[in-house]
Amino acid sequence: MSSDLVDIKFRLYDGSDVGPFRYSSTSTVDMLKERVVSDWPKGKTVIPKSANEVKLISSGKILENDKTVGQCRIPFGELTGGVLVMHVVVQPSLAKTKTEKRRSISHPRKSSAHVLYYES
């Protein structure tokens, strides 16, 4: 049964890692995201509020929530005893982004710019 288990660590935006953790090959990507959010290191400038704000990337592909670890590690079939590294991207929800834009539009900041021209 140990062949049905895979060690995965999650590489964050600043190069630090969360894990490694051992997962069954039947664990879903959504389960992995939940673990990343619950074990997110304190003191980071970017903090996901939910698993929906997290994207996991393996072999250059964004992994779908309903895929299993076994389906995601197909290219790593020859990886024996190693740790699979998945990259983590935090993407705030679209609703939050729209709210922030509305706030900035309803309360525009005053700014000025100065342009200096030099003639020769």
C-alpha atoms as a PDB file:
ATOM      1  CA  MET A   1       0.000   0.000   0.000  1.00  0.00           C
ATOM      2  CA  SER A   2       2.945   2.400   0.419  1.00  0.00           C
ATOM      3  CA  SER A   3       2.977   2.821  -3.383  1.00  0.00           C
ATOM      4  CA  ASP A   4      -0.474   4.420  -3.014  1.00  0.00           C
ATOM      5  CA  LEU A   5       1.049   7.166  -0.851  1.00  0.00           C
ATOM      6  CA  VAL A   6       2.917  10.197  -2.093  1.00  0.00           C
ATOM      7  CA  ASP A   7       4.829  12.887  -0.198  1.00  0.00           C
ATOM      8  CA  ILE A   8       3.964  16.412  -1.331  1.00  0.00           C
ATOM      9  CA  LYS A   9       5.361  19.752  -0.279  1.00  0.00           C
ATOM     10  CA  PHE A  10       3.921  23.070  -1.310  1.00  0.00           C
ATOM     11  CA  ARG A  11       6.225  25.851  -2.535  1.00  0.00           C
ATOM     12  CA  LEU A  12       4.929  29.329  -1.674  1.00  0.00           C
ATOM     13  CA  TYR A  13       5.422  32.599  -3.569  1.00  0.00           C
ATOM     14  CA  ASP A  14       8.485  33.550  -1.505  1.00  0.00           C
ATOM     15  CA  GLY A  15      10.282  30.222  -1.997  1.00  0.00           C
ATOM     16  CA  SER A  16       9.416  28.799   1.427  1.00  0.00           C
ATOM     17  CA  ASP A  17       7.714  25.424   1.749  1.00  0.00           C
ATOM     18  CA  VAL A  18       4.739  23.975   3.593  1.00  0.00           C
ATOM     19  CA  GLY A  19       5.141  20.269   4.262  1.00  0.00           C
ATOM     20  CA  PRO A  20       5.983  17.682   3.116  1.00  0.00           C
ATOM     21  CA  PHE A  21       2.819  15.773   3.960  1.00  0.00           C
ATOM     22  CA  ARG A  22       1.904  12.224   2.973  1.00  0.00           C
ATOM     23  CA  TYR A  23      -1.265  11.770   0.942  1.00  0.00           C
ATOM     24  CA  SER A  24      -3.156   8.858  -0.498  1.00  0.00           C
ATOM     25  CA  SER A  25      -3.250   8.769  -4.285  1.00  0.00           C
ATOM     26  CA  THR A  26      -7.048   9.072  -3.968  1.00  0.00           C
ATOM     27  CA  SER A  27      -6.864  12.447  -2.143  1.00  0.00           C
ATOM     28  CA  THR A  28      -8.322  15.278  -4.196  1.00  0.00           C
ATOM     29  CA  VAL A  29      -6.677  18.568  -5.126  1.00  0.00           C
ATOM     30  CA  ASP A  30      -9.386  20.311  -3.096  1.00  0.00           C
ATOM     31  CA  MET A  31      -8.242  18.381   0.002  1.00  0.00           C
ATOM     32  CA  LEU A  32      -4.659  19.507  -0.643  1.00  0.00           C
ATOM     33  CA  LYS A  33      -5.773  23.140  -0.916  1.00  0.00           C
ATOM     34  CA  GLU A  34      -7.635  22.887   2.401  1.00  0.00           C
ATOM     35  CA  ARG A  35      -4.448  21.600   4.047  1.00  0.00           C
ATOM     36  CA  VAL A  36      -2.357  24.406   2.557  1.00  0.00           C
ATOM     37  CA  VAL A  37      -4.784  27.038   3.885  1.00  0.00           C
ATOM     38  CA  SER A  38      -4.972  25.468   7.358  1.00  0.00           C
ATOM     39  CA  ASP A  39      -1.155  25.171   7.636  1.00  0.00           C
ATOM     40  CA  TRP A  40      -0.331  28.550   6.042  1.00  0.00           C
ATOM     41  CA  PRO A  41       2.684  30.058   7.848  1.00  0.00           C
ATOM     42  CA  LYS A  42       2.088  33.035  10.121  1.00  0.00           C
ATOM     43  CA  GLY A  43       3.564  36.390   9.183  1.00  0.00           C
ATOM     44  CA  LYS A  44       3.265  36.094   5.402  1.00  0.00           C
ATOM     45  CA  THR A  45       2.192  39.215   3.504  1.00  0.00           C
ATOM     46  CA  VAL A  46      -0.221  37.227   1.309  1.00  0.00           C
ATOM     47  CA  ILE A  47      -2.698  35.024   3.188  1.00  0.00           C
ATOM     48  CA  PRO A  48      -5.448  33.007   1.504  1.00  0.00           C
ATOM     49  CA  LYS A  49      -8.834  33.274   3.224  1.00  0.00           C
ATOM     50  CA  SER A  50     -10.139  30.037   1.727  1.00  0.00           C
ATOM     51  CA  ALA A  51      -9.152  27.147  -0.509  1.00  0.00           C
ATOM     52  CA  ASN A  52     -10.967  28.890  -3.382  1.00  0.00           C
ATOM     53  CA  GLU A  53      -8.225  31.528  -3.419  1.00  0.00           C
ATOM     54  CA  VAL A  54      -5.485  28.904  -3.838  1.00  0.00           C
ATOM     55  CA  LYS A  55      -4.271  27.448  -7.113  1.00  0.00           C
ATOM     56  CA  LEU A  56      -1.922  24.451  -7.137  1.00  0.00           C
ATOM     57  CA  ILE A  57       0.474  24.028 -10.045  1.00  0.00           C
ATOM     58  CA  SER A  58       2.312  20.848 -10.956  1.00  0.00           C
ATOM     59  CA  SER A  59       4.337  20.321 -14.132  1.00  0.00           C
ATOM     60  CA  GLY A  60       3.276  23.775 -15.300  1.00  0.00           C
ATOM     61  CA  LYS A  61      -0.438  22.960 -15.130  1.00  0.00           C
ATOM     62  CA  ILE A  62      -3.084  24.382 -12.810  1.00  0.00           C
ATOM     63  CA  LEU A  63      -4.664  21.410 -11.076  1.00  0.00           C
ATOM     64  CA  GLU A  64      -8.434  20.980 -11.025  1.00  0.00           C
ATOM     65  CA  ASN A  65     -10.177  20.545  -7.652  1.00  0.00           C
ATOM     66  CA  ASP A  66     -11.821  17.232  -8.515  1.00  0.00           C
ATOM     67  CA  LYS A  67      -8.594  15.554  -9.724  1.00  0.00           C
ATOM     68  CA  THR A  68      -6.844  13.089  -7.436  1.00  0.00           C
ATOM     69  CA  VAL A  69      -3.191  13.057  -6.435  1.00  0.00           C
ATOM     70  CA  GLY A  70      -2.818   9.875  -8.483  1.00  0.00           C
ATOM     71  CA  GLN A  71      -4.102  11.656 -11.589  1.00  0.00           C
ATOM     72  CA  CYS A  72      -1.832  14.662 -11.005  1.00  0.00           C
ATOM     73  CA  ARG A  73       1.400  12.759 -10.554  1.00  0.00           C
ATOM     74  CA  ILE A  74       1.304  10.735 -13.779  1.00  0.00           C
ATOM     75  CA  PRO A  75       4.445  12.439 -15.189  1.00  0.00           C
ATOM     76  CA  PHE A  76       6.265  11.559 -11.972  1.00  0.00           C
ATOM     77  CA  GLY A  77       5.759   7.793 -12.260  1.00  0.00           C
ATOM     78  CA  GLU A  78       9.509   7.205 -12.107  1.00  0.00           C
ATOM     79  CA  LEU A  79       9.925   9.336  -8.975  1.00  0.00           C
ATOM     80  CA  THR A  80      10.807   6.757  -6.330  1.00  0.00           C
ATOM     81  CA  GLY A  81      11.008   7.828  -2.701  1.00  0.00           C
ATOM     82  CA  GLY A  82      11.055  11.492  -3.689  1.00  0.00           C
ATOM     83  CA  VAL A  83       8.874  14.407  -2.692  1.00  0.00           C
ATOM     84  CA  LEU A  84       6.509  15.941  -5.222  1.00  0.00           C
ATOM     85  CA  VAL A  85       6.635  19.757  -5.185  1.00  0.00           C
ATOM     86  CA  MET A  86       3.498  21.700  -6.055  1.00  0.00           C
ATOM     87  CA  HIS A  87       3.618  25.456  -6.456  1.00  0.00           C
ATOM     88  CA  VAL A  88       1.012  27.550  -4.671  1.00  0.00           C
ATOM     89  CA  VAL A  89      -0.502  30.704  -6.150  1.00  0.00           C
ATOM     90  CA  VAL A  90      -2.871  32.828  -4.078  1.00  0.00           C
ATOM     91  CA  GLN A  91      -5.472  34.612  -6.156  1.00  0.00           C
ATOM     92  CA  PRO A  92      -7.966  36.735  -4.171  1.00  0.00           C
ATOM     93  CA  SER A  93     -11.588  36.187  -5.101  1.00  0.00           C
ATOM     94  CA  LEU A  94     -13.018  38.297  -7.924  1.00  0.00           C
ATOM     95  CA  ALA A  95     -15.745  39.743  -5.673  1.00  0.00           C
ATOM     96  CA  LYS A  96     -13.124  41.260  -3.367  1.00  0.00           C
ATOM     97  CA  THR A  97     -11.249  42.772  -6.295  1.00  0.00           C
ATOM     98  CA  LYS A  98     -14.430  44.394  -7.646  1.00  0.00           C
ATOM     99  CA  THR A  99     -15.250  45.806  -4.184  1.00  0.00           C
ATOM    100  CA  GLU A 100     -11.775  47.285  -3.863  1.00  0.00           C
ATOM    101  CA  LYS A 101     -12.090  48.903  -7.298  1.00  0.00           C
ATOM    102  CA  ARG A 102     -15.442  50.440  -6.363  1.00  0.00           C
ATOM    103  CA  ARG A 103     -13.952  51.904  -3.205  1.00  0.00           C
ATOM    104  CA  SER A 104     -11.066  53.459  -5.061  1.00  0.00           C
ATOM    105  CA  ILE A 105     -13.432  54.961  -7.644  1.00  0.00           C
ATOM    106  CA  SER A 106     -15.839  56.350  -5.055  1.00  0.00           C
ATOM    107  CA  HIS A 107     -12.949  57.876  -3.071  1.00  0.00           C
ATOM    108  CA  PRO A 108     -10.449  59.041  -5.665  1.00  0.00           C
ATOM    109  CA  ARG A 109      -7.084  60.088  -4.350  1.00  0.00           C
ATOM    110  CA  LYS A 110      -5.633  63.399  -5.369  1.00  0.00           C
ATOM    111  CA  SER A 111      -2.333  63.150  -7.115  1.00  0.00           C
ATOM    112  CA  SER A 112      -0.184  65.265  -9.321  1.00  0.00           C
ATOM    113  CA  ALA A 113       2.605  64.643 -11.742  1.00  0.00           C
ATOM    114  CA  HIS A 114       5.396  66.920 -12.856  1.00  0.00           C
ATOM    115  CA  VAL A 115       7.115  66.525 -16.195  1.00  0.00           C
ATOM    116  CA  LEU A 116      10.442  68.191 -16.793  1.00  0.00           C
ATOM    117  CA  TYR A 117      11.608  68.852 -20.323  1.00  0.00           C
ATOM    118  CA  TYR A 118      15.195  69.578 -21.173  1.00  0.00           C
ATOM    119  CA  GLU A 119      15.879  71.305 -24.441  1.00  0.00           C
ATOM    120  CA  SER A 120      19.321  71.266 -25.971  1.00  0.00           C
END
